[in-house]
């Protein structure tokens, strides 16, 4: 006869595991002997090894009792069901691992390569990282809400970045993020931006809702930019 520690040692589990199996009703708990100890026989060793083997194979504890009492055909069918469930779980975990790996790519998880190239080009031109992040967030909204507009916007952005005057204005907007809203330079910047825009061909716009969200993303970044937006609207109307 074996103590609980000896039983656990024979089966290669911990005493805590044996007690857990008792609590789950998987392994019968013997009465205490005259010395106050619980004694286990050879059959308990067999049952514990069977429980451990099923658990190690991935069988949920909730189904082990069912399998221990199953007839051969029922056992085989239950194992097939469990195997299929594990296969689905493996596929799900594999998909999660792939998504986790994609997260390491940063912005590439959310944006197509051509947009990433635009952002990288902006960095190369000296645009601040905070400005790039604001631009990135606008692109994320555009890609998600108006994907058909992306190719046109990418082409327009690439063309604009090739224009020295646009680059000058863009860097000025970057700098203006820290200006006070009443800075007189904002009016000059708004006038120059409207003049440049008026010289460019019109291109397709996303829906009003998407455009409003993109504009809100920009104006939320800086009080000076909110003022600049107001000046742009007023200057266009004059």
Protein backbone atom coordinates (compact mmCIF):
# COMPACT_ATOMS: atom_id res chain seq x y z
CA UNK A 1 0.00 0.00 0.00
CA UNK A 2 1.24 3.48 -0.90
CA UNK A 3 1.02 6.90 0.67
CA UNK A 4 -0.15 9.79 -1.48
CA UNK A 5 3.45 10.91 -1.95
CA UNK A 6 4.52 7.44 -3.08
CA UNK A 7 1.54 7.23 -5.43
CA UNK A 8 2.39 10.56 -7.01
CA UNK A 9 6.02 9.53 -7.40
CA UNK A 10 5.09 6.26 -9.12
CA UNK A 11 2.86 8.04 -11.64
CA UNK A 12 5.20 10.99 -12.21
CA UNK A 13 2.85 13.68 -10.92
CA UNK A 14 2.79 15.97 -7.91
CA UNK A 15 0.87 15.40 -4.72
CA UNK A 16 -1.03 18.56 -5.51
CA UNK A 17 -2.12 17.03 -8.83
CA UNK A 18 -3.38 13.90 -7.08
CA UNK A 19 -5.45 16.01 -4.69
CA UNK A 20 -6.79 18.00 -7.63
CA UNK A 21 -7.88 14.78 -9.32
CA UNK A 22 -9.63 13.79 -6.10
CA UNK A 23 -11.49 17.11 -6.08
CA UNK A 24 -12.50 16.67 -9.73
CA UNK A 25 -13.78 13.16 -9.02
CA UNK A 26 -11.32 11.56 -11.41
CA UNK A 27 -9.51 9.46 -8.82
CA UNK A 28 -11.21 7.77 -5.88
CA UNK A 29 -9.96 8.96 -2.51
CA UNK A 30 -9.50 6.07 -0.05
CA UNK A 31 -10.51 6.21 3.60
CA UNK A 32 -7.84 6.91 6.18
CA UNK A 33 -6.36 3.94 7.98
CA UNK A 34 -5.95 3.55 11.73
CA UNK A 35 -2.81 5.72 11.59
CA UNK A 36 -4.71 8.54 9.88
CA UNK A 37 -3.11 8.06 6.45
CA UNK A 38 -4.76 7.39 3.14
CA UNK A 39 -3.32 4.29 1.51
CA UNK A 40 -3.45 3.61 -2.22
CA UNK A 41 -3.30 0.22 -3.93
CA UNK A 42 -1.88 -0.81 -7.32
CA UNK A 43 -5.17 -0.04 -9.07
CA UNK A 44 -4.87 3.58 -7.97
CA UNK A 45 -1.47 3.72 -9.66
CA UNK A 46 -3.00 2.40 -12.88
CA UNK A 47 -5.88 4.88 -12.74
CA UNK A 48 -3.55 7.78 -12.02
CA UNK A 49 -1.26 6.85 -14.92
CA UNK A 50 -4.28 6.69 -17.23
CA UNK A 51 -5.44 10.12 -16.06
CA UNK A 52 -1.98 11.60 -16.51
CA UNK A 53 -1.58 10.05 -19.96
CA UNK A 54 -4.89 11.47 -21.16
CA UNK A 55 -4.10 14.86 -19.67
CA UNK A 56 -0.65 14.94 -21.26
CA UNK A 57 -2.29 14.11 -24.60
CA UNK A 58 -4.35 17.28 -24.37
CA UNK A 59 -7.63 15.75 -23.21
CA UNK A 60 -9.53 18.32 -21.11
CA UNK A 61 -9.99 17.26 -17.48
CA UNK A 62 -13.73 17.65 -17.91
CA UNK A 63 -13.70 14.77 -20.43
CA UNK A 64 -11.21 12.43 -18.78
CA UNK A 65 -13.81 10.82 -16.52
CA UNK A 66 -15.99 10.15 -19.56
CA UNK A 67 -13.11 8.51 -21.42
CA UNK A 68 -12.05 6.38 -18.49
CA UNK A 69 -15.51 4.81 -18.41
CA UNK A 70 -16.01 4.62 -22.19
CA UNK A 71 -16.30 1.47 -24.26
CA UNK A 72 -13.70 1.05 -27.05
CA UNK A 73 -15.90 2.50 -29.82
CA UNK A 74 -17.01 5.40 -27.64
CA UNK A 75 -13.41 6.00 -26.61
CA UNK A 76 -12.23 6.08 -30.22
CA UNK A 77 -14.98 8.53 -31.23
CA UNK A 78 -14.28 10.78 -28.27
CA UNK A 79 -10.56 10.83 -29.09
CA UNK A 80 -11.40 11.73 -32.70
CA UNK A 81 -13.58 14.61 -31.49
CA UNK A 82 -10.85 15.85 -29.17
CA UNK A 83 -8.26 15.58 -31.94
CA UNK A 84 -10.42 17.69 -34.25
CA UNK A 85 -10.90 20.28 -31.51
CA UNK A 86 -7.15 20.41 -30.92
CA UNK A 87 -6.54 20.77 -34.65
CA UNK A 88 -8.89 23.76 -34.75
CA UNK A 89 -7.10 25.21 -31.74
CA UNK A 90 -3.72 24.72 -33.42
CA UNK A 91 -4.94 26.55 -36.52
CA UNK A 92 -6.27 29.37 -34.36
CA UNK A 93 -3.00 29.66 -32.43
CA UNK A 94 -1.04 29.56 -35.69
CA UNK A 95 -3.14 32.44 -36.99
CA UNK A 96 -2.55 34.38 -33.76
CA UNK A 97 1.20 33.76 -34.03
CA UNK A 98 1.17 35.06 -37.58
CA UNK A 99 -0.66 38.20 -36.50
CA UNK A 100 1.75 38.69 -33.59
CA UNK A 101 4.66 38.38 -36.02
CA UNK A 102 3.03 41.00 -38.23
CA UNK A 103 2.82 43.37 -35.28
CA UNK A 104 6.60 43.46 -35.27
CA UNK A 105 6.33 45.20 -38.62
CA UNK A 106 4.68 48.19 -36.93
CA UNK A 107 2.79 50.39 -39.38
CA UNK A 108 3.07 47.71 -42.05
CA UNK A 109 0.33 45.80 -40.25
CA UNK A 110 -2.17 48.57 -40.98
CA UNK A 111 -0.97 50.16 -44.21
CA UNK A 112 -0.09 48.96 -47.72
CA UNK A 113 3.54 49.15 -48.90
CA UNK A 114 2.95 52.18 -51.13
CA UNK A 115 1.72 54.23 -48.16
CA UNK A 116 4.67 53.10 -46.04
CA UNK A 117 6.94 54.36 -48.82
CA UNK A 118 5.25 57.76 -48.67
CA UNK A 119 5.77 57.95 -44.90
CA UNK A 120 9.41 56.89 -45.23
CA UNK A 121 9.94 59.53 -47.89
CA UNK A 122 8.51 62.16 -45.56
CA UNK A 123 10.99 61.13 -42.87
CA UNK A 124 13.81 61.39 -45.38
CA UNK A 125 12.72 64.96 -46.18
CA UNK A 126 13.09 65.95 -42.52
CA UNK A 127 9.45 65.77 -41.44
CA UNK A 128 9.19 65.25 -37.69
CA UNK A 129 8.12 61.88 -36.34
CA UNK A 130 5.05 63.35 -34.69
CA UNK A 131 3.97 64.80 -38.04
CA UNK A 132 4.54 61.42 -39.67
CA UNK A 133 2.38 59.76 -37.00
CA UNK A 134 -0.45 62.21 -37.64
CA UNK A 135 -0.18 61.56 -41.36
CA UNK A 136 -0.03 57.81 -40.70
CA UNK A 137 -3.25 57.89 -38.68
CA UNK A 138 -5.03 59.74 -41.48
CA UNK A 139 -3.85 57.09 -43.93
CA UNK A 140 -5.10 54.33 -41.63
CA UNK A 141 -8.56 55.88 -41.68
CA UNK A 142 -8.45 56.32 -45.46
CA UNK A 143 -7.34 52.72 -46.06
CA UNK A 144 -10.06 51.35 -43.77
CA UNK A 145 -12.94 53.65 -44.75
CA UNK A 146 -12.25 54.59 -48.38
CA UNK A 147 -9.82 52.02 -49.84
CA UNK A 148 -10.76 52.92 -53.43
CA UNK A 149 -9.33 56.40 -52.87
CA UNK A 150 -5.92 55.16 -51.73
CA UNK A 151 -4.21 54.81 -55.16
CA UNK A 152 -5.29 58.33 -56.17
CA UNK A 153 -4.13 59.81 -52.87
CA UNK A 154 -0.81 57.99 -53.01
CA UNK A 155 -0.16 59.26 -56.53
CA UNK A 156 -1.13 62.78 -55.50
CA UNK A 157 1.09 62.68 -52.43
CA UNK A 158 4.08 61.39 -54.38
CA UNK A 159 3.63 64.15 -56.95
CA UNK A 160 3.28 66.78 -54.22
CA UNK A 161 6.40 65.60 -52.39
CA UNK A 162 8.34 66.06 -55.61
CA UNK A 163 7.34 69.75 -55.64
CA UNK A 164 9.81 71.97 -53.71
CA UNK A 165 7.07 74.47 -52.84
CA UNK A 166 4.87 71.75 -51.34
CA UNK A 167 7.81 70.44 -49.33
CA UNK A 168 8.46 73.95 -48.03
CA UNK A 169 4.83 74.38 -47.01
CA UNK A 170 4.66 70.94 -45.44
CA UNK A 171 7.73 71.55 -43.31
CA UNK A 172 6.28 74.94 -42.35
CA UNK A 173 3.07 73.20 -41.20
CA UNK A 174 5.21 70.82 -39.20
CA UNK A 175 6.90 73.75 -37.50
CA UNK A 176 3.59 75.58 -37.03
CA UNK A 177 2.30 72.82 -34.78
CA UNK A 178 4.03 74.60 -31.87
CA UNK A 179 3.01 78.14 -32.80
CA UNK A 180 0.45 80.10 -30.83
CA UNK A 181 -3.00 80.23 -32.46
CA UNK A 182 -2.71 84.02 -32.89
CA UNK A 183 0.70 83.85 -34.57
CA UNK A 184 0.54 86.14 -37.64
CA UNK A 185 2.61 83.68 -39.64
CA UNK A 186 -0.41 81.36 -39.78
CA UNK A 187 -2.25 83.74 -42.12
CA UNK A 188 0.73 83.89 -44.47
CA UNK A 189 0.99 80.09 -44.40
CA UNK A 190 -2.73 79.68 -45.10
CA UNK A 191 -2.51 82.07 -48.05
CA UNK A 192 0.47 80.23 -49.51
CA UNK A 193 -1.27 76.86 -49.06
CA UNK A 194 -4.44 78.04 -50.78
CA UNK A 195 -2.38 79.48 -53.65
CA UNK A 196 -0.51 76.22 -54.12
CA UNK A 197 -3.70 74.12 -53.94
CA UNK A 198 -5.43 76.30 -56.53
CA UNK A 199 -2.68 75.46 -59.01
CA UNK A 200 -3.18 71.71 -58.64
CA UNK A 201 -5.65 69.59 -60.60
CA UNK A 202 -8.66 68.40 -58.66
CA UNK A 203 -8.64 64.76 -57.61
CA UNK A 204 -11.16 62.32 -56.23
CA UNK A 205 -12.14 62.84 -52.60
CA UNK A 206 -13.34 60.18 -50.14
CA UNK A 207 -16.80 60.49 -48.62
CA UNK A 208 -17.62 63.52 -46.49
CA UNK A 209 -17.65 61.43 -43.31
CA UNK A 210 -14.20 59.97 -43.95
CA UNK A 211 -12.78 63.36 -44.90
CA UNK A 212 -14.25 64.91 -41.75
CA UNK A 213 -12.59 62.25 -39.59
CA UNK A 214 -9.25 62.79 -41.30
CA UNK A 215 -9.51 66.55 -40.82
CA UNK A 216 -10.50 66.06 -37.18
CA UNK A 217 -7.40 63.92 -36.68
CA UNK A 218 -5.25 66.75 -38.00
CA UNK A 219 -6.85 69.65 -36.16
CA UNK A 220 -6.86 67.76 -32.85
CA UNK A 221 -3.06 67.70 -32.92
CA UNK A 222 -2.52 71.43 -32.32
CA UNK A 223 -4.46 74.61 -31.48
CA UNK A 224 -2.39 76.37 -34.13
CA UNK A 225 -3.50 73.84 -36.71
CA UNK A 226 -7.14 74.38 -35.76
CA UNK A 227 -6.61 78.09 -36.36
CA UNK A 228 -4.82 77.33 -39.62
CA UNK A 229 -7.81 75.29 -40.78
CA UNK A 230 -10.12 78.20 -40.05
CA UNK A 231 -7.84 80.57 -41.97
CA UNK A 232 -7.67 78.17 -44.93
CA UNK A 233 -11.47 78.04 -45.11
CA UNK A 234 -11.77 81.82 -44.88
CA UNK A 235 -9.02 82.46 -47.41
CA UNK A 236 -10.65 80.12 -49.97
CA UNK A 237 -13.89 82.05 -49.68
CA UNK A 238 -12.27 85.45 -50.29
